[in-house]
Amino acid sequence: MADFPDLSGYQVYACGGPAMIDAARQDFTVQRGLPPNEFFADSFTYAVQPEPAA
């Protein structure tokens, strides 16, 4: 955040867990002026692994 105090002229593409994506979107748009339509993301989701048959 300290490296880019003004993101108003940028696009951001973020990858990571859902909590990190939500936090980045919030921080970049509210605190650093990133236009909301310039935030793009791939949120990692995790599938439940089935238990092997006994």
N, C-alpha and C. Protein backbone atom coordinates (compact mmCIF):
# COMPACT_ATOMS: atom_id res chain seq x y z
N MET A 1 0.83 -1.19 0.00
CA MET A 1 0.00 0.00 0.00
C MET A 1 0.87 1.26 0.00
N ALA A 2 1.98 1.23 0.71
CA ALA A 2 2.84 2.41 0.80
C ALA A 2 3.51 2.72 -0.55
N ASP A 3 3.71 1.71 -1.37
CA ASP A 3 4.37 1.92 -2.66
C ASP A 3 3.47 2.61 -3.68
N PHE A 4 2.16 2.48 -3.55
CA PHE A 4 1.22 3.06 -4.50
C PHE A 4 0.11 3.81 -3.75
N PRO A 5 0.37 5.04 -3.34
CA PRO A 5 -0.63 5.77 -2.57
C PRO A 5 -1.85 6.20 -3.38
N ASP A 6 -1.73 6.24 -4.71
CA ASP A 6 -2.86 6.65 -5.56
C ASP A 6 -3.01 5.66 -6.70
N LEU A 7 -4.06 4.88 -6.68
CA LEU A 7 -4.32 3.87 -7.72
C LEU A 7 -5.38 4.31 -8.71
N SER A 8 -5.71 5.59 -8.72
CA SER A 8 -6.81 6.06 -9.56
C SER A 8 -6.55 5.88 -11.05
N GLY A 9 -5.32 5.77 -11.48
CA GLY A 9 -5.02 5.59 -12.90
C GLY A 9 -4.56 4.19 -13.25
N TYR A 10 -4.86 3.21 -12.39
CA TYR A 10 -4.37 1.85 -12.57
C TYR A 10 -5.51 0.86 -12.73
N GLN A 11 -5.14 -0.32 -13.20
CA GLN A 11 -5.99 -1.50 -13.13
C GLN A 11 -5.26 -2.49 -12.22
N VAL A 12 -6.02 -3.25 -11.45
CA VAL A 12 -5.43 -4.24 -10.56
C VAL A 12 -6.03 -5.60 -10.89
N TYR A 13 -5.14 -6.60 -11.01
CA TYR A 13 -5.57 -7.99 -11.17
C TYR A 13 -4.98 -8.76 -9.99
N ALA A 14 -5.84 -9.31 -9.15
CA ALA A 14 -5.39 -9.99 -7.94
C ALA A 14 -5.80 -11.46 -7.98
N CYS A 15 -4.93 -12.30 -7.45
CA CYS A 15 -5.20 -13.73 -7.30
C CYS A 15 -4.93 -14.11 -5.86
N GLY A 16 -5.80 -14.95 -5.30
CA GLY A 16 -5.59 -15.40 -3.93
C GLY A 16 -6.86 -15.92 -3.32
N GLY A 17 -6.78 -16.14 -2.04
CA GLY A 17 -7.93 -16.63 -1.29
C GLY A 17 -9.04 -15.60 -1.23
N PRO A 18 -10.28 -16.04 -1.01
CA PRO A 18 -11.41 -15.12 -0.98
C PRO A 18 -11.26 -13.96 0.01
N ALA A 19 -10.73 -14.23 1.19
CA ALA A 19 -10.56 -13.17 2.19
C ALA A 19 -9.55 -12.13 1.70
N MET A 20 -8.47 -12.58 1.07
CA MET A 20 -7.47 -11.64 0.57
C MET A 20 -8.03 -10.79 -0.57
N ILE A 21 -8.79 -11.40 -1.45
CA ILE A 21 -9.39 -10.67 -2.57
C ILE A 21 -10.36 -9.61 -2.04
N ASP A 22 -11.19 -9.98 -1.08
CA ASP A 22 -12.14 -9.03 -0.51
C ASP A 22 -11.42 -7.87 0.17
N ALA A 23 -10.37 -8.17 0.92
CA ALA A 23 -9.61 -7.12 1.61
C ALA A 23 -8.90 -6.21 0.61
N ALA A 24 -8.32 -6.79 -0.42
CA ALA A 24 -7.62 -5.99 -1.43
C ALA A 24 -8.60 -5.07 -2.16
N ARG A 25 -9.74 -5.61 -2.56
CA ARG A 25 -10.75 -4.79 -3.25
C ARG A 25 -11.16 -3.60 -2.37
N GLN A 26 -11.44 -3.88 -1.11
CA GLN A 26 -11.86 -2.83 -0.17
C GLN A 26 -10.75 -1.79 0.02
N ASP A 27 -9.54 -2.24 0.32
CA ASP A 27 -8.44 -1.32 0.58
C ASP A 27 -8.07 -0.49 -0.64
N PHE A 28 -7.98 -1.13 -1.79
CA PHE A 28 -7.55 -0.42 -3.00
C PHE A 28 -8.58 0.60 -3.47
N THR A 29 -9.86 0.26 -3.37
CA THR A 29 -10.87 1.19 -3.85
C THR A 29 -11.16 2.30 -2.84
N VAL A 30 -11.24 1.96 -1.56
CA VAL A 30 -11.58 2.96 -0.54
C VAL A 30 -10.37 3.80 -0.14
N GLN A 31 -9.25 3.16 0.12
CA GLN A 31 -8.09 3.87 0.64
C GLN A 31 -7.17 4.45 -0.43
N ARG A 32 -7.17 3.85 -1.62
CA ARG A 32 -6.21 4.26 -2.64
C ARG A 32 -6.84 4.79 -3.92
N GLY A 33 -8.16 4.90 -3.96
CA GLY A 33 -8.84 5.55 -5.08
C GLY A 33 -8.92 4.74 -6.36
N LEU A 34 -8.72 3.43 -6.28
CA LEU A 34 -8.87 2.59 -7.47
C LEU A 34 -10.33 2.58 -7.89
N PRO A 35 -10.62 2.88 -9.18
CA PRO A 35 -12.01 2.78 -9.63
C PRO A 35 -12.50 1.33 -9.47
N PRO A 36 -13.66 1.11 -8.88
CA PRO A 36 -14.14 -0.26 -8.65
C PRO A 36 -14.19 -1.12 -9.91
N ASN A 37 -14.46 -0.53 -11.06
CA ASN A 37 -14.53 -1.33 -12.29
C ASN A 37 -13.15 -1.65 -12.85
N GLU A 38 -12.07 -1.23 -12.18
CA GLU A 38 -10.70 -1.53 -12.63
C GLU A 38 -10.05 -2.59 -11.74
N PHE A 39 -10.83 -3.23 -10.89
CA PHE A 39 -10.33 -4.32 -10.03
C PHE A 39 -10.82 -5.63 -10.61
N PHE A 40 -9.88 -6.50 -10.95
CA PHE A 40 -10.18 -7.81 -11.51
C PHE A 40 -9.55 -8.86 -10.62
N ALA A 41 -10.19 -10.02 -10.48
CA ALA A 41 -9.64 -11.01 -9.56
C ALA A 41 -10.03 -12.43 -9.95
N ASP A 42 -9.14 -13.35 -9.60
CA ASP A 42 -9.40 -14.78 -9.59
C ASP A 42 -9.26 -15.22 -8.15
N SER A 43 -10.38 -15.58 -7.56
CA SER A 43 -10.38 -16.01 -6.17
C SER A 43 -10.22 -17.52 -6.12
N PHE A 44 -9.25 -17.97 -5.35
CA PHE A 44 -9.04 -19.40 -5.19
C PHE A 44 -10.15 -19.96 -4.32
N THR A 45 -10.78 -20.99 -4.79
CA THR A 45 -11.79 -21.68 -3.99
C THR A 45 -11.34 -23.11 -3.80
N TYR A 46 -11.81 -23.70 -2.75
CA TYR A 46 -11.36 -25.03 -2.40
C TYR A 46 -12.55 -25.97 -2.40
N ALA A 47 -12.38 -27.11 -3.04
CA ALA A 47 -13.44 -28.12 -3.08
C ALA A 47 -13.24 -29.08 -1.92
N VAL A 48 -14.33 -29.58 -1.41
CA VAL A 48 -14.27 -30.58 -0.36
C VAL A 48 -13.76 -31.88 -0.98
N GLN A 49 -12.79 -32.47 -0.33
CA GLN A 49 -12.25 -33.74 -0.82
C GLN A 49 -13.08 -34.88 -0.22
N PRO A 50 -13.65 -35.73 -1.07
CA PRO A 50 -14.45 -36.85 -0.54
C PRO A 50 -13.54 -37.85 0.19
N GLU A 51 -14.10 -38.45 1.23
CA GLU A 51 -13.36 -39.47 1.96
C GLU A 51 -13.36 -40.74 1.13
N PRO A 52 -12.23 -41.45 1.12
CA PRO A 52 -12.20 -42.72 0.36
C PRO A 52 -13.19 -43.74 0.95
N ALA A 53 -13.74 -44.56 0.08
CA ALA A 53 -14.68 -45.59 0.53
C ALA A 53 -13.95 -46.59 1.42
N ALA A 54 -14.62 -47.01 2.47
CA ALA A 54 -13.98 -47.96 3.41
C ALA A 54 -14.07 -49.38 2.93
